[in-house]
């Protein structure tokens, strides 16, 4: 799988062993479908299938285009800017 230039010089962060849930949804009492982790800062947000799409909103607000799945057993990453999936593990 290809990787875009956003990965250059970036340390690929590991998913924490324990995740309570989407950081914003936990604060507001909302629900999520799947979790995504920002590869730039470690923020945990909900996926595009979730009602609030907090991972994508984090990208737009912070300019952090790279995420990885925070779901157990999944090792893929995604760049919002280039719409490219990549294998991380």
Protein backbone atom coordinates (compact mmCIF):
# COMPACT_ATOMS: atom_id res chain seq x y z
CA UNK A 1 0.00 0.00 0.00
CA UNK A 2 1.34 3.47 -0.82
CA UNK A 3 2.28 6.12 1.71
CA UNK A 4 2.00 9.84 1.08
CA UNK A 5 4.57 12.48 2.02
CA UNK A 6 2.81 13.19 5.33
CA UNK A 7 4.46 10.04 6.76
CA UNK A 8 8.02 11.32 6.12
CA UNK A 9 9.86 11.72 9.43
CA UNK A 10 6.77 10.74 11.44
CA UNK A 11 7.09 8.18 14.22
CA UNK A 12 4.17 5.76 13.93
CA UNK A 13 2.44 5.87 17.30
CA UNK A 14 1.16 2.63 18.84
CA UNK A 15 -2.44 2.35 19.94
CA UNK A 16 -2.75 2.44 23.75
CA UNK A 17 -3.68 -0.83 25.45
CA UNK A 18 -6.75 0.76 27.01
CA UNK A 19 -8.97 3.36 25.35
CA UNK A 20 -12.09 4.68 27.07
CA UNK A 21 -13.62 5.85 23.78
CA UNK A 22 -13.85 8.92 21.56
CA UNK A 23 -12.56 11.84 23.62
CA UNK A 24 -15.28 14.26 22.52
CA UNK A 25 -18.16 11.74 22.61
CA UNK A 26 -17.24 10.80 26.17
CA UNK A 27 -17.55 14.47 27.19
CA UNK A 28 -20.95 14.94 25.54
CA UNK A 29 -22.44 11.49 26.14
CA UNK A 30 -22.66 10.74 22.41
CA UNK A 31 -22.04 7.36 20.78
CA UNK A 32 -19.46 6.21 18.25
CA UNK A 33 -19.06 3.29 15.84
CA UNK A 34 -15.27 2.81 15.55
CA UNK A 35 -12.28 4.62 16.99
CA UNK A 36 -9.39 6.28 15.16
CA UNK A 37 -6.12 7.61 16.58
CA UNK A 38 -4.29 10.67 15.25
CA UNK A 39 -0.74 9.70 14.30
CA UNK A 40 0.49 13.23 14.98
CA UNK A 41 -0.66 13.66 18.59
CA UNK A 42 -2.46 10.49 19.74
CA UNK A 43 -5.96 12.04 19.90
CA UNK A 44 -8.70 9.38 19.92
CA UNK A 45 -11.73 10.27 17.84
CA UNK A 46 -14.66 8.51 16.23
CA UNK A 47 -14.77 7.34 12.61
CA UNK A 48 -16.64 8.72 9.60
CA UNK A 49 -19.44 6.18 10.19
CA UNK A 50 -20.05 7.71 13.62
CA UNK A 51 -22.59 10.55 13.96
CA UNK A 52 -20.01 13.20 14.95
CA UNK A 53 -16.94 12.16 12.91
CA UNK A 54 -14.59 13.57 15.53
CA UNK A 55 -11.42 12.09 14.00
CA UNK A 56 -12.05 13.95 10.73
CA UNK A 57 -12.99 17.14 12.61
CA UNK A 58 -9.72 16.89 14.57
CA UNK A 59 -7.83 16.73 11.26
CA UNK A 60 -9.56 19.89 10.01
CA UNK A 61 -9.10 21.81 13.27
CA UNK A 62 -5.51 20.78 13.98
CA UNK A 63 -4.15 20.08 10.51
CA UNK A 64 -3.25 16.50 11.45
CA UNK A 65 -4.14 14.44 8.35
CA UNK A 66 -2.90 11.00 9.43
CA UNK A 67 -4.89 8.55 11.51
CA UNK A 68 -4.75 4.88 12.27
CA UNK A 69 -7.48 2.49 13.26
CA UNK A 70 -7.68 2.12 17.03
CA UNK A 71 -9.73 -1.08 16.68
CA UNK A 72 -8.16 -4.32 18.01
CA UNK A 73 -6.29 -6.28 15.35
CA UNK A 74 -6.44 -3.52 12.70
CA UNK A 75 -3.10 -2.12 11.49
CA UNK A 76 -4.06 0.30 8.74
CA UNK A 77 -3.55 4.03 8.48
CA UNK A 78 -5.25 6.70 6.41
CA UNK A 79 -4.41 10.18 5.15
CA UNK A 80 -7.43 12.50 5.04
CA UNK A 81 -5.62 14.96 2.76
CA UNK A 82 -4.71 12.42 0.07
CA UNK A 83 -7.50 9.85 0.62
CA UNK A 84 -4.90 7.05 0.84
CA UNK A 85 -5.04 3.94 3.03
CA UNK A 86 -1.76 2.29 4.02
CA UNK A 87 -0.68 -0.75 6.02
CA UNK A 88 1.22 0.18 9.20
CA UNK A 89 2.06 -3.13 10.84
